[in-house]
Amino acid sequence: MNKHKSMLYTAGVAGIALTIGGCASPGERPDSDLNSAQNSLQQAVSADAREYEPILLNDAQNKLADAKNLIDQEKYTEAERLLEQATVDAQLADARSETAKAKLAVEEINDNIESLRQELNQSQ
């Protein structure tokens, strides 16, 4: 009976070790998340985020760089989390930049309308 318990114990320990080893595996490389983050950053840069949202853009770039380092270390789960954050930060920087540019355009149009009103009032 003692030998039977010893074999069960050994099998149990081996099962736990395999389970823990399986949980500790790095998973799949987050290549699609990496591409998404890079594309979002490029779009934010194209939207002049360096001018309108430099801090948010910088945060996204730093998270992307950190995620690349984690990928090199095969820490894919942590990298994926950072890549998702980088994507969101870049998209937010893009949206805020576009909003800022639209506000400037509206202000310019309003200034032009006011100038035309003044000219119209002066000519009457």
PDB file of N, CA and C in Angstrom:
ATOM      1  N   MET A   1       0.810  -1.186   0.000  1.00  0.00           N
ATOM      2  CA  MET A   1       0.000   0.000   0.000  1.00  0.00           C
ATOM      3  C   MET A   1       0.860   1.258   0.000  1.00  0.00           C
ATOM      4  N   ASN A   2       1.989   1.196   0.681  1.00  0.00           N
ATOM      5  CA  ASN A   2       2.896   2.317   0.748  1.00  0.00           C
ATOM      6  C   ASN A   2       3.450   2.666  -0.626  1.00  0.00           C
ATOM      7  N   LYS A   3       3.759   1.641  -1.406  1.00  0.00           N
ATOM      8  CA  LYS A   3       4.281   1.851  -2.758  1.00  0.00           C
ATOM      9  C   LYS A   3       3.222   2.513  -3.632  1.00  0.00           C
ATOM     10  N   HIS A   4       1.967   2.130  -3.442  1.00  0.00           N
ATOM     11  CA  HIS A   4       0.860   2.705  -4.216  1.00  0.00           C
ATOM     12  C   HIS A   4       0.716   4.203  -3.912  1.00  0.00           C
ATOM     13  N   LYS A   5       0.796   4.566  -2.627  1.00  0.00           N
ATOM     14  CA  LYS A   5       0.703   5.968  -2.233  1.00  0.00           C
ATOM     15  C   LYS A   5       1.872   6.766  -2.797  1.00  0.00           C
ATOM     16  N   SER A   6       3.032   6.174  -2.802  1.00  0.00           N
ATOM     17  CA  SER A   6       4.213   6.841  -3.334  1.00  0.00           C
ATOM     18  C   SER A   6       4.073   7.120  -4.824  1.00  0.00           C
ATOM     19  N   MET A   7       3.496   6.174  -5.553  1.00  0.00           N
ATOM     20  CA  MET A   7       3.288   6.372  -6.996  1.00  0.00           C
ATOM     21  C   MET A   7       2.236   7.443  -7.241  1.00  0.00           C
ATOM     22  N   LEU A   8       1.170   7.439  -6.434  1.00  0.00           N
ATOM     23  CA  LEU A   8       0.141   8.481  -6.567  1.00  0.00           C
ATOM     24  C   LEU A   8       0.728   9.857  -6.264  1.00  0.00           C
ATOM     25  N   TYR A   9       1.531   9.918  -5.211  1.00  0.00           N
ATOM     26  CA  TYR A   9       2.171  11.174  -4.843  1.00  0.00           C
ATOM     27  C   TYR A   9       3.056  11.679  -5.982  1.00  0.00           C
ATOM     28  N   THR A  10       3.866  10.772  -6.547  1.00  0.00           N
ATOM     29  CA  THR A  10       4.754  11.132  -7.652  1.00  0.00           C
ATOM     30  C   THR A  10       3.946  11.588  -8.868  1.00  0.00           C
ATOM     31  N   ALA A  11       2.877  10.876  -9.172  1.00  0.00           N
ATOM     32  CA  ALA A  11       2.037  11.248 -10.307  1.00  0.00           C
ATOM     33  C   ALA A  11       1.378  12.607 -10.058  1.00  0.00           C
ATOM     34  N   GLY A  12       0.957  12.843  -8.829  1.00  0.00           N
ATOM     35  CA  GLY A  12       0.335  14.128  -8.485  1.00  0.00           C
ATOM     36  C   GLY A  12       1.315  15.282  -8.628  1.00  0.00           C
ATOM     37  N   VAL A  13       2.515  15.083  -8.113  1.00  0.00           N
ATOM     38  CA  VAL A  13       3.548  16.118  -8.220  1.00  0.00           C
ATOM     39  C   VAL A  13       3.878  16.385  -9.695  1.00  0.00           C
ATOM     40  N   ALA A  14       3.983  15.323 -10.478  1.00  0.00           N
ATOM     41  CA  ALA A  14       4.277  15.478 -11.903  1.00  0.00           C
ATOM     42  C   ALA A  14       3.146  16.221 -12.600  1.00  0.00           C
ATOM     43  N   GLY A  15       1.905  15.901 -12.239  1.00  0.00           N
ATOM     44  CA  GLY A  15       0.752  16.586 -12.831  1.00  0.00           C
ATOM     45  C   GLY A  15       0.744  18.060 -12.502  1.00  0.00           C
ATOM     46  N   ILE A  16       1.030  18.389 -11.258  1.00  0.00           N
ATOM     47  CA  ILE A  16       1.088  19.792 -10.842  1.00  0.00           C
ATOM     48  C   ILE A  16       2.217  20.515 -11.573  1.00  0.00           C
ATOM     49  N   ALA A  17       3.353  19.876 -11.690  1.00  0.00           N
ATOM     50  CA  ALA A  17       4.496  20.490 -12.389  1.00  0.00           C
ATOM     51  C   ALA A  17       4.150  20.766 -13.844  1.00  0.00           C
ATOM     52  N   LEU A  18       3.478  19.823 -14.485  1.00  0.00           N
ATOM     53  CA  LEU A  18       3.086  20.027 -15.881  1.00  0.00           C
ATOM     54  C   LEU A  18       2.065  21.154 -16.005  1.00  0.00           C
ATOM     55  N   THR A  19       1.136  21.225 -15.076  1.00  0.00           N
ATOM     56  CA  THR A  19       0.127  22.277 -15.095  1.00  0.00           C
ATOM     57  C   THR A  19       0.776  23.640 -14.921  1.00  0.00           C
ATOM     58  N   ILE A  20       1.659  23.739 -13.955  1.00  0.00           N
ATOM     59  CA  ILE A  20       2.350  25.003 -13.719  1.00  0.00           C
ATOM     60  C   ILE A  20       3.220  25.364 -14.914  1.00  0.00           C
ATOM     61  N   GLY A  21       3.885  24.398 -15.464  1.00  0.00           N
ATOM     62  CA  GLY A  21       4.719  24.636 -16.644  1.00  0.00           C
ATOM     63  C   GLY A  21       3.883  25.113 -17.817  1.00  0.00           C
ATOM     64  N   GLY A  22       2.702  24.551 -17.964  1.00  0.00           N
ATOM     65  CA  GLY A  22       1.809  24.972 -19.047  1.00  0.00           C
ATOM     66  C   GLY A  22       1.328  26.391 -18.861  1.00  0.00           C
ATOM     67  N   CYS A  23       1.063  26.771 -17.630  1.00  0.00           N
ATOM     68  CA  CYS A  23       0.617  28.142 -17.347  1.00  0.00           C
ATOM     69  C   CYS A  23       1.745  29.137 -17.545  1.00  0.00           C
ATOM     70  N   ALA A  24       2.950  28.705 -17.351  1.00  0.00           N
ATOM     71  CA  ALA A  24       4.093  29.607 -17.448  1.00  0.00           C
ATOM     72  C   ALA A  24       4.603  29.755 -18.875  1.00  0.00           C
ATOM     73  N   SER A  25       4.020  29.018 -19.803  1.00  0.00           N
ATOM     74  CA  SER A  25       4.499  29.125 -21.183  1.00  0.00           C
ATOM     75  C   SER A  25       4.210  30.524 -21.721  1.00  0.00           C
ATOM     76  N   PRO A  26       5.056  31.003 -22.592  1.00  0.00           N
ATOM     77  CA  PRO A  26       4.911  32.381 -23.050  1.00  0.00           C
ATOM     78  C   PRO A  26       3.703  32.619 -23.949  1.00  0.00           C
ATOM     79  N   GLY A  27       3.085  31.583 -24.470  1.00  0.00           N
ATOM     80  CA  GLY A  27       1.947  31.767 -25.368  1.00  0.00           C
ATOM     81  C   GLY A  27       2.424  32.116 -26.763  1.00  0.00           C
ATOM     82  N   GLU A  28       1.524  32.712 -27.525  1.00  0.00           N
ATOM     83  CA  GLU A  28       1.857  33.084 -28.898  1.00  0.00           C
ATOM     84  C   GLU A  28       2.400  34.510 -28.953  1.00  0.00           C
ATOM     85  N   ARG A  29       3.265  34.730 -29.918  1.00  0.00           N
ATOM     86  CA  ARG A  29       3.790  36.081 -30.136  1.00  0.00           C
ATOM     87  C   ARG A  29       2.638  36.992 -30.536  1.00  0.00           C
ATOM     88  N   PRO A  30       2.561  38.182 -29.959  1.00  0.00           N
ATOM     89  CA  PRO A  30       1.470  39.105 -30.284  1.00  0.00           C
ATOM     90  C   PRO A  30       1.783  39.962 -31.516  1.00  0.00           C
ATOM     91  N   ASP A  31       2.088  39.285 -32.630  1.00  0.00           N
ATOM     92  CA  ASP A  31       2.480  40.011 -33.841  1.00  0.00           C
ATOM     93  C   ASP A  31       1.368  40.902 -34.379  1.00  0.00           C
ATOM     94  N   SER A  32       0.117  40.430 -34.323  1.00  0.00           N
ATOM     95  CA  SER A  32      -0.975  41.265 -34.836  1.00  0.00           C
ATOM     96  C   SER A  32      -1.169  42.494 -33.960  1.00  0.00           C
ATOM     97  N   ASP A  33      -1.007  42.333 -32.647  1.00  0.00           N
ATOM     98  CA  ASP A  33      -1.096  43.492 -31.749  1.00  0.00           C
ATOM     99  C   ASP A  33       0.060  44.459 -31.991  1.00  0.00           C
ATOM    100  N   LEU A  34       1.224  43.919 -32.292  1.00  0.00           N
ATOM    101  CA  LEU A  34       2.383  44.754 -32.604  1.00  0.00           C
ATOM    102  C   LEU A  34       2.122  45.578 -33.867  1.00  0.00           C
ATOM    103  N   ASN A  35       1.596  44.924 -34.894  1.00  0.00           N
ATOM    104  CA  ASN A  35       1.271  45.641 -36.137  1.00  0.00           C
ATOM    105  C   ASN A  35       0.209  46.697 -35.909  1.00  0.00           C
ATOM    106  N   SER A  36      -0.790  46.370 -35.122  1.00  0.00           N
ATOM    107  CA  SER A  36      -1.869  47.312 -34.831  1.00  0.00           C
ATOM    108  C   SER A  36      -1.336  48.545 -34.103  1.00  0.00           C
ATOM    109  N   ALA A  37      -0.479  48.323 -33.117  1.00  0.00           N
ATOM    110  CA  ALA A  37       0.100  49.441 -32.362  1.00  0.00           C
ATOM    111  C   ALA A  37       0.971  50.307 -33.271  1.00  0.00           C
ATOM    112  N   GLN A  38       1.773  49.669 -34.118  1.00  0.00           N
ATOM    113  CA  GLN A  38       2.627  50.437 -35.031  1.00  0.00           C
ATOM    114  C   GLN A  38       1.786  51.249 -36.013  1.00  0.00           C
ATOM    115  N   ASN A  39       0.724  50.654 -36.540  1.00  0.00           N
ATOM    116  CA  ASN A  39      -0.142  51.369 -37.478  1.00  0.00           C
ATOM    117  C   ASN A  39      -0.844  52.544 -36.795  1.00  0.00           C
ATOM    118  N   SER A  40      -1.298  52.333 -35.576  1.00  0.00           N
ATOM    119  CA  SER A  40      -1.956  53.404 -34.834  1.00  0.00           C
ATOM    120  C   SER A  40      -0.987  54.545 -34.553  1.00  0.00           C
ATOM    121  N   LEU A  41       0.252  54.205 -34.242  1.00  0.00           N
ATOM    122  CA  LEU A  41       1.262  55.242 -34.009  1.00  0.00           C
ATOM    123  C   LEU A  41       1.550  56.030 -35.285  1.00  0.00           C
ATOM    124  N   GLN A  42       1.673  55.332 -36.397  1.00  0.00           N
ATOM    125  CA  GLN A  42       1.919  56.019 -37.670  1.00  0.00           C
ATOM    126  C   GLN A  42       0.772  56.962 -38.009  1.00  0.00           C
ATOM    127  N   GLN A  43      -0.443  56.510 -37.757  1.00  0.00           N
ATOM    128  CA  GLN A  43      -1.607  57.347 -38.040  1.00  0.00           C
ATOM    129  C   GLN A  43      -1.628  58.574 -37.124  1.00  0.00           C
ATOM    130  N   ALA A  44      -1.270  58.389 -35.871  1.00  0.00           N
ATOM    131  CA  ALA A  44      -1.224  59.514 -34.936  1.00  0.00           C
ATOM    132  C   ALA A  44      -0.157  60.529 -35.354  1.00  0.00           C
ATOM    133  N   VAL A  45       0.982  60.033 -35.786  1.00  0.00           N
ATOM    134  CA  VAL A  45       2.045  60.930 -36.255  1.00  0.00           C
ATOM    135  C   VAL A  45       1.564  61.696 -37.494  1.00  0.00           C
ATOM    136  N   SER A  46       0.870  61.008 -38.390  1.00  0.00           N
ATOM    137  CA  SER A  46       0.329  61.654 -39.591  1.00  0.00           C
ATOM    138  C   SER A  46      -0.713  62.709 -39.242  1.00  0.00           C
ATOM    139  N   ALA A  47      -1.378  62.531 -38.111  1.00  0.00           N
ATOM    140  CA  ALA A  47      -2.391  63.493 -37.671  1.00  0.00           C
ATOM    141  C   ALA A  47      -1.779  64.635 -36.860  1.00  0.00           C
ATOM    142  N   ASP A  48      -0.459  64.745 -36.896  1.00  0.00           N
ATOM    143  CA  ASP A  48       0.265  65.806 -36.194  1.00  0.00           C
ATOM    144  C   ASP A  48       0.170  65.695 -34.671  1.00  0.00           C
ATOM    145  N   ALA A  49       0.129  64.478 -34.167  1.00  0.00           N
ATOM    146  CA  ALA A  49       0.063  64.279 -32.722  1.00  0.00           C
ATOM    147  C   ALA A  49       1.316  64.803 -32.021  1.00  0.00           C
ATOM    148  N   ARG A  50       2.426  64.861 -32.739  1.00  0.00           N
ATOM    149  CA  ARG A  50       3.651  65.415 -32.121  1.00  0.00           C
ATOM    150  C   ARG A  50       3.431  66.876 -31.727  1.00  0.00           C
ATOM    151  N   GLU A  51       2.612  67.565 -32.494  1.00  0.00           N
ATOM    152  CA  GLU A  51       2.333  68.972 -32.211  1.00  0.00           C
ATOM    153  C   GLU A  51       1.219  69.144 -31.187  1.00  0.00           C
ATOM    154  N   TYR A  52       0.147  68.347 -31.309  1.00  0.00           N
ATOM    155  CA  TYR A  52      -1.039  68.555 -30.496  1.00  0.00           C
ATOM    156  C   TYR A  52      -1.126  67.676 -29.251  1.00  0.00           C
ATOM    157  N   GLU A  53      -0.556  66.504 -29.288  1.00  0.00           N
ATOM    158  CA  GLU A  53      -0.600  65.554 -28.165  1.00  0.00           C
ATOM    159  C   GLU A  53       0.745  64.860 -27.980  1.00  0.00           C
ATOM    160  N   PRO A  54       1.809  65.635 -27.770  1.00  0.00           N
ATOM    161  CA  PRO A  54       3.140  65.016 -27.706  1.00  0.00           C
ATOM    162  C   PRO A  54       3.328  64.062 -26.520  1.00  0.00           C
ATOM    163  N   ILE A  55       2.715  64.354 -25.387  1.00  0.00           N
ATOM    164  CA  ILE A  55       2.902  63.510 -24.206  1.00  0.00           C
ATOM    165  C   ILE A  55       2.221  62.161 -24.419  1.00  0.00           C
ATOM    166  N   LEU A  56       0.996  62.191 -24.912  1.00  0.00           N
ATOM    167  CA  LEU A  56       0.263  60.956 -25.156  1.00  0.00           C
ATOM    168  C   LEU A  56       0.938  60.119 -26.247  1.00  0.00           C
ATOM    169  N   LEU A  57       1.416  60.780 -27.276  1.00  0.00           N
ATOM    170  CA  LEU A  57       2.135  60.079 -28.342  1.00  0.00           C
ATOM    171  C   LEU A  57       3.417  59.453 -27.796  1.00  0.00           C
ATOM    172  N   ASN A  58       4.121  60.189 -26.963  1.00  0.00           N
ATOM    173  CA  ASN A  58       5.358  59.685 -26.363  1.00  0.00           C
ATOM    174  C   ASN A  58       5.065  58.470 -25.471  1.00  0.00           C
ATOM    175  N   ASP A  59       3.970  58.536 -24.718  1.00  0.00           N
ATOM    176  CA  ASP A  59       3.581  57.390 -23.887  1.00  0.00           C
ATOM    177  C   ASP A  59       3.354  56.148 -24.754  1.00  0.00           C
ATOM    178  N   ALA A  60       2.651  56.342 -25.861  1.00  0.00           N
ATOM    179  CA  ALA A  60       2.367  55.221 -26.771  1.00  0.00           C
ATOM    180  C   ALA A  60       3.668  54.656 -27.345  1.00  0.00           C
ATOM    181  N   GLN A  61       4.579  55.528 -27.730  1.00  0.00           N
ATOM    182  CA  GLN A  61       5.854  55.078 -28.288  1.00  0.00           C
ATOM    183  C   GLN A  61       6.674  54.324 -27.248  1.00  0.00           C
ATOM    184  N   ASN A  62       6.660  54.808 -26.015  1.00  0.00           N
ATOM    185  CA  ASN A  62       7.399  54.128 -24.939  1.00  0.00           C
ATOM    186  C   ASN A  62       6.812  52.753 -24.651  1.00  0.00           C
ATOM    187  N   LYS A  63       5.489  52.660 -24.645  1.00  0.00           N
ATOM    188  CA  LYS A  63       4.848  51.370 -24.401  1.00  0.00           C
ATOM    189  C   LYS A  63       5.161  50.395 -25.536  1.00  0.00           C
ATOM    190  N   LEU A  64       5.196  50.896 -26.755  1.00  0.00           N
ATOM    191  CA  LEU A  64       5.547  50.050 -27.890  1.00  0.00           C
ATOM    192  C   LEU A  64       6.981  49.534 -27.748  1.00  0.00           C
ATOM    193  N   ALA A  65       7.895  50.405 -27.389  1.00  0.00           N
ATOM    194  CA  ALA A  65       9.298  50.007 -27.216  1.00  0.00           C
ATOM    195  C   ALA A  65       9.430  48.988 -26.077  1.00  0.00           C
ATOM    196  N   ASP A  66       8.718  49.235 -24.972  1.00  0.00           N
ATOM    197  CA  ASP A  66       8.764  48.293 -23.848  1.00  0.00           C
ATOM    198  C   ASP A  66       8.189  46.935 -24.261  1.00  0.00           C
ATOM    199  N   ALA A  67       7.118  46.964 -25.038  1.00  0.00           N
ATOM    200  CA  ALA A  67       6.497  45.720 -25.495  1.00  0.00           C
ATOM    201  C   ALA A  67       7.448  44.945 -26.408  1.00  0.00           C
ATOM    202  N   LYS A  68       8.175  45.642 -27.258  1.00  0.00           N
ATOM    203  CA  LYS A  68       9.142  44.970 -28.128  1.00  0.00           C
ATOM    204  C   LYS A  68      10.218  44.275 -27.298  1.00  0.00           C
ATOM    205  N   ASN A  69      10.657  44.938 -26.228  1.00  0.00           N
ATOM    206  CA  ASN A  69      11.638  44.312 -25.334  1.00  0.00           C
ATOM    207  C   ASN A  69      11.059  43.071 -24.669  1.00  0.00           C
ATOM    208  N   LEU A  70       9.800  43.148 -24.262  1.00  0.00           N
ATOM    209  CA  LEU A  70       9.153  41.994 -23.644  1.00  0.00           C
ATOM    210  C   LEU A  70       9.000  40.849 -24.646  1.00  0.00           C
ATOM    211  N   ILE A  71       8.724  41.178 -25.894  1.00  0.00           N
ATOM    212  CA  ILE A  71       8.625  40.141 -26.932  1.00  0.00           C
ATOM    213  C   ILE A  71       9.971  39.458 -27.105  1.00  0.00           C
ATOM    214  N   ASP A  72      11.036  40.241 -27.093  1.00  0.00           N
ATOM    215  CA  ASP A  72      12.381  39.659 -27.196  1.00  0.00           C
ATOM    216  C   ASP A  72      12.676  38.718 -26.028  1.00  0.00           C
ATOM    217  N   GLN A  73      12.086  39.025 -24.873  1.00  0.00           N
ATOM    218  CA  GLN A  73      12.266  38.179 -23.688  1.00  0.00           C
ATOM    219  C   GLN A  73      11.215  37.063 -23.623  1.00  0.00           C
ATOM    220  N   GLU A  74      10.394  36.967 -24.651  1.00  0.00           N
ATOM    221  CA  GLU A  74       9.317  35.971 -24.754  1.00  0.00           C
ATOM    222  C   GLU A  74       8.290  36.102 -23.638  1.00  0.00           C
ATOM    223  N   LYS A  75       8.059  37.320 -23.186  1.00  0.00           N
ATOM    224  CA  LYS A  75       7.001  37.613 -22.204  1.00  0.00           C
ATOM    225  C   LYS A  75       5.805  38.163 -22.978  1.00  0.00           C
ATOM    226  N   TYR A  76       5.164  37.277 -23.701  1.00  0.00           N
ATOM    227  CA  TYR A  76       4.154  37.666 -24.672  1.00  0.00           C
ATOM    228  C   TYR A  76       2.876  38.226 -24.042  1.00  0.00           C
ATOM    229  N   THR A  77       2.475  37.695 -22.915  1.00  0.00           N
ATOM    230  CA  THR A  77       1.252  38.173 -22.270  1.00  0.00           C
ATOM    231  C   THR A  77       1.416  39.621 -21.821  1.00  0.00           C
ATOM    232  N   GLU A  78       2.537  39.922 -21.194  1.00  0.00           N
ATOM    233  CA  GLU A  78       2.809  41.284 -20.754  1.00  0.00           C
ATOM    234  C   GLU A  78       2.974  42.209 -21.954  1.00  0.00           C
ATOM    235  N   ALA A  79       3.618  41.720 -22.988  1.00  0.00           N
ATOM    236  CA  ALA A  79       3.810  42.517 -24.205  1.00  0.00           C
ATOM    237  C   ALA A  79       2.467  42.834 -24.850  1.00  0.00           C
ATOM    238  N   GLU A  80       1.599  41.844 -24.895  1.00  0.00           N
ATOM    239  CA  GLU A  80       0.278  42.051 -25.503  1.00  0.00           C
ATOM    240  C   GLU A  80      -0.496  43.141 -24.758  1.00  0.00           C
ATOM    241  N   ARG A  81      -0.423  43.126 -23.445  1.00  0.00           N
ATOM    242  CA  ARG A  81      -1.104  44.144 -22.636  1.00  0.00           C
ATOM    243  C   ARG A  81      -0.560  45.534 -22.958  1.00  0.00           C
ATOM    244  N   LEU A  82       0.749  45.662 -23.036  1.00  0.00           N
ATOM    245  CA  LEU A  82       1.351  46.956 -23.350  1.00  0.00           C
ATOM    246  C   LEU A  82       1.025  47.400 -24.775  1.00  0.00           C
ATOM    247  N   LEU A  83       0.988  46.452 -25.696  1.00  0.00           N
ATOM    248  CA  LEU A  83       0.662  46.789 -27.085  1.00  0.00           C
ATOM    249  C   LEU A  83      -0.772  47.296 -27.200  1.00  0.00           C
ATOM    250  N   GLU A  84      -1.675  46.700 -26.440  1.00  0.00           N
ATOM    251  CA  GLU A  84      -3.056  47.174 -26.448  1.00  0.00           C
ATOM    252  C   GLU A  84      -3.132  48.592 -25.893  1.00  0.00           C
ATOM    253  N   GLN A  85      -2.384  48.848 -24.823  1.00  0.00           N
ATOM    254  CA  GLN A  85      -2.355  50.194 -24.244  1.00  0.00           C
ATOM    255  C   GLN A  85      -1.738  51.189 -25.218  1.00  0.00           C
ATOM    256  N   ALA A  86      -0.677  50.798 -25.888  1.00  0.00           N
ATOM    257  CA  ALA A  86      -0.027  51.673 -26.867  1.00  0.00           C
ATOM    258  C   ALA A  86      -0.981  52.007 -28.005  1.00  0.00           C
ATOM    259  N   THR A  87      -1.733  51.018 -28.450  1.00  0.00           N
ATOM    260  CA  THR A  87      -2.703  51.241 -29.527  1.00  0.00           C
ATOM    261  C   THR A  87      -3.757  52.245 -29.093  1.00  0.00           C
ATOM    262  N   VAL A  88      -4.290  52.067 -27.902  1.00  0.00           N
ATOM    263  CA  VAL A  88      -5.327  52.977 -27.404  1.00  0.00           C
ATOM    264  C   VAL A  88      -4.752  54.388 -27.227  1.00  0.00           C
ATOM    265  N   ASP A  89      -3.562  54.493 -26.658  1.00  0.00           N
ATOM    266  CA  ASP A  89      -2.937  55.807 -26.483  1.00  0.00           C
ATOM    267  C   ASP A  89      -2.723  56.498 -27.828  1.00  0.00           C
ATOM    268  N   ALA A  90      -2.249  55.750 -28.810  1.00  0.00           N
ATOM    269  CA  ALA A  90      -2.009  56.327 -30.138  1.00  0.00           C
ATOM    270  C   ALA A  90      -3.322  56.749 -30.794  1.00  0.00           C
ATOM    271  N   GLN A  91      -4.357  55.928 -30.652  1.00  0.00           N
ATOM    272  CA  GLN A  91      -5.655  56.285 -31.231  1.00  0.00           C
ATOM    273  C   GLN A  91      -6.236  57.521 -30.555  1.00  0.00           C
ATOM    274  N   LEU A  92      -6.051  57.622 -29.256  1.00  0.00           N
ATOM    275  CA  LEU A  92      -6.521  58.801 -28.537  1.00  0.00           C
ATOM    276  C   LEU A  92      -5.744  60.040 -28.956  1.00  0.00           C
ATOM    277  N   ALA A  93      -4.437  59.906 -29.108  1.00  0.00           N
ATOM    278  CA  ALA A  93      -3.620  61.032 -29.573  1.00  0.00           C
ATOM    279  C   ALA A  93      -4.060  61.465 -30.967  1.00  0.00           C
ATOM    280  N   ASP A  94      -4.345  60.502 -31.824  1.00  0.00           N
ATOM    281  CA  ASP A  94      -4.841  60.790 -33.174  1.00  0.00           C
ATOM    282  C   ASP A  94      -6.157  61.549 -33.108  1.00  0.00           C
ATOM    283  N   ALA A  95      -7.109  61.052 -32.327  1.00  0.00           N
ATOM    284  CA  ALA A  95      -8.429  61.683 -32.229  1.00  0.00           C
ATOM    285  C   ALA A  95      -8.330  63.089 -31.646  1.00  0.00           C
ATOM    286  N   ARG A  96      -7.522  63.239 -30.619  1.00  0.00           N
ATOM    287  CA  ARG A  96      -7.371  64.573 -30.014  1.00  0.00           C
ATOM    288  C   ARG A  96      -6.691  65.544 -30.968  1.00  0.00           C
ATOM    289  N   SER A  97      -5.742  65.059 -31.740  1.00  0.00           N
ATOM    290  CA  SER A  97      -5.075  65.916 -32.720  1.00  0.00           C
ATOM    291  C   SER A  97      -6.051  66.373 -33.791  1.00  0.00           C
ATOM    292  N   GLU A  98      -6.852  65.431 -34.283  1.00  0.00           N
ATOM    293  CA  GLU A  98      -7.849  65.781 -35.298  1.00  0.00           C
ATOM    294  C   GLU A  98      -8.855  66.776 -34.725  1.00  0.00           C
ATOM    295  N   THR A  99      -9.256  66.603 -33.473  1.00  0.00           N
ATOM    296  CA  THR A  99     -10.180  67.525 -32.821  1.00  0.00           C
ATOM    297  C   THR A  99      -9.565  68.914 -32.689  1.00  0.00           C
ATOM    298  N   ALA A 100      -8.303  68.952 -32.286  1.00  0.00           N
ATOM    299  CA  ALA A 100      -7.618  70.245 -32.139  1.00  0.00           C
ATOM    300  C   ALA A 100      -7.513  70.960 -33.482  1.00  0.00           C
ATOM    301  N   LYS A 101      -7.200  70.211 -34.532  1.00  0.00           N
ATOM    302  CA  LYS A 101      -7.111  70.823 -35.859  1.00  0.00           C
ATOM    303  C   LYS A 101      -8.478  71.320 -36.322  1.00  0.00           C
ATOM    304  N   ALA A 102      -9.514  70.568 -36.023  1.00  0.00           N
ATOM    305  CA  ALA A 102     -10.869  70.988 -36.407  1.00  0.00           C
ATOM    306  C   ALA A 102     -11.266  72.256 -35.650  1.00  0.00           C
ATOM    307  N   LYS A 103     -10.924  72.324 -34.372  1.00  0.00           N
ATOM    308  CA  LYS A 103     -11.225  73.533 -33.589  1.00  0.00           C
ATOM    309  C   LYS A 103     -10.510  74.753 -34.168  1.00  0.00           C
ATOM    310  N   LEU A 104      -9.260  74.572 -34.555  1.00  0.00           N
ATOM    311  CA  LEU A 104      -8.516  75.674 -35.163  1.00  0.00           C
ATOM    312  C   LEU A 104      -9.163  76.110 -36.472  1.00  0.00           C
ATOM    313  N   ALA A 105      -9.615  75.153 -37.254  1.00  0.00           N
ATOM    314  CA  ALA A 105     -10.271  75.482 -38.520  1.00  0.00           C
ATOM    315  C   ALA A 105     -11.564  76.234 -38.269  1.00  0.00           C
ATOM    316  N   VAL A 106     -12.324  75.835 -37.269  1.00  0.00           N
ATOM    317  CA  VAL A 106     -13.570  76.529 -36.924  1.00  0.00           C
ATOM    318  C   VAL A 106     -13.261  77.948 -36.456  1.00  0.00           C
ATOM    319  N   GLU A 107     -12.236  78.097 -35.633  1.00  0.00           N
ATOM    320  CA  GLU A 107     -11.853  79.437 -35.169  1.00  0.00           C
ATOM    321  C   GLU A 107     -11.460  80.323 -36.344  1.00  0.00           C
ATOM    322  N   GLU A 108     -10.721  79.778 -37.292  1.00  0.00           N
ATOM    323  CA  GLU A 108     -10.310  80.539 -38.464  1.00  0.00           C
ATOM    324  C   GLU A 108     -11.525  80.952 -39.296  1.00  0.00           C
ATOM    325  N   ILE A 109     -12.451  80.045 -39.468  1.00  0.00           N
ATOM    326  CA  ILE A 109     -13.665  80.364 -40.225  1.00  0.00           C
ATOM    327  C   ILE A 109     -14.467  81.437 -39.504  1.00  0.00           C
ATOM    328  N   ASN A 110     -14.592  81.299 -38.186  1.00  0.00           N
ATOM    329  CA  ASN A 110     -15.320  82.310 -37.414  1.00  0.00           C
ATOM    330  C   ASN A 110     -14.638  83.671 -37.491  1.00  0.00           C
ATOM    331  N   ASP A 111     -13.307  83.678 -37.466  1.00  0.00           N
ATOM    332  CA  ASP A 111     -12.565  84.939 -37.612  1.00  0.00           C
ATOM    333  C   ASP A 111     -12.825  85.554 -38.981  1.00  0.00           C
ATOM    334  N   ASN A 112     -12.838  84.726 -40.018  1.00  0.00           N
ATOM    335  CA  ASN A 112     -13.112  85.220 -41.369  1.00  0.00           C
ATOM    336  C   ASN A 112     -14.528  85.772 -41.483  1.00  0.00           C
ATOM    337  N   ILE A 113     -15.472  85.105 -40.865  1.00  0.00           N
ATOM    338  CA  ILE A 113     -16.860  85.589 -40.887  1.00  0.00           C
ATOM    339  C   ILE A 113     -16.954  86.927 -40.176  1.00  0.00           C
ATOM    340  N   GLU A 114     -16.283  87.043 -39.050  1.00  0.00           N
ATOM    341  CA  GLU A 114     -16.308  88.308 -38.305  1.00  0.00           C
ATOM    342  C   GLU A 114     -15.653  89.422 -39.111  1.00  0.00           C
ATOM    343  N   SER A 115     -14.571  89.129 -39.784  1.00  0.00           N
ATOM    344  CA  SER A 115     -13.908  90.137 -40.634  1.00  0.00           C
ATOM    345  C   SER A 115     -14.834  90.567 -41.760  1.00  0.00           C
ATOM    346  N   LEU A 116     -15.514  89.619 -42.374  1.00  0.00           N
ATOM    347  CA  LEU A 116     -16.454  89.966 -43.450  1.00  0.00           C
ATOM    348  C   LEU A 116     -17.617  90.803 -42.924  1.00  0.00           C
ATOM    349  N   ARG A 117     -18.103  90.504 -41.719  1.00  0.00           N
ATOM    350  CA  ARG A 117     -19.166  91.307 -41.112  1.00  0.00           C
ATOM    351  C   ARG A 117     -18.706  92.743 -40.894  1.00  0.00           C
ATOM    352  N   GLN A 118     -17.500  92.881 -40.367  1.00  0.00           N
ATOM    353  CA  GLN A 118     -16.968  94.219 -40.123  1.00  0.00           C
ATOM    354  C   GLN A 118     -16.816  95.002 -41.431  1.00  0.00           C
ATOM    355  N   GLU A 119     -16.320  94.328 -42.448  1.00  0.00           N
ATOM    356  CA  GLU A 119     -16.192  94.982 -43.764  1.00  0.00           C
ATOM    357  C   GLU A 119     -17.554  95.378 -44.316  1.00  0.00           C
ATOM    358  N   LEU A 120     -18.521  94.522 -44.141  1.00  0.00           N
ATOM    359  CA  LEU A 120     -19.854  94.784 -44.612  1.00  0.00           C
ATOM    360  C   LEU A 120     -20.474  95.958 -43.864  1.00  0.00           C
ATOM    361  N   ASN A 121     -20.274  96.026 -42.557  1.00  0.00           N
ATOM    362  CA  ASN A 121     -20.794  97.131 -41.751  1.00  0.00           C
ATOM    363  C   ASN A 121     -20.116  98.450 -42.101  1.00  0.00           C
ATOM    364  N   GLN A 122     -18.828  98.410 -42.422  1.00  0.00           N
ATOM    365  CA  GLN A 122     -18.085  99.617 -42.757  1.00  0.00           C
ATOM    366  C   GLN A 122     -18.505 100.152 -44.132  1.00  0.00           C
ATOM    367  N   SER A 123     -18.864  99.272 -45.026  1.00  0.00           N
ATOM    368  CA  SER A 123     -19.223  99.717 -46.364  1.00  0.00           C
ATOM    369  C   SER A 123     -20.651 100.244 -46.438  1.00  0.00           C
ATOM    370  N   GLN A 124     -21.458 100.017 -45.424  1.00  0.00           N
ATOM    371  CA  GLN A 124     -22.834 100.514 -45.447  1.00  0.00           C
ATOM    372  C   GLN A 124     -22.946 101.897 -44.941  1.00  0.00           C
TER     373      GLN A 124
END
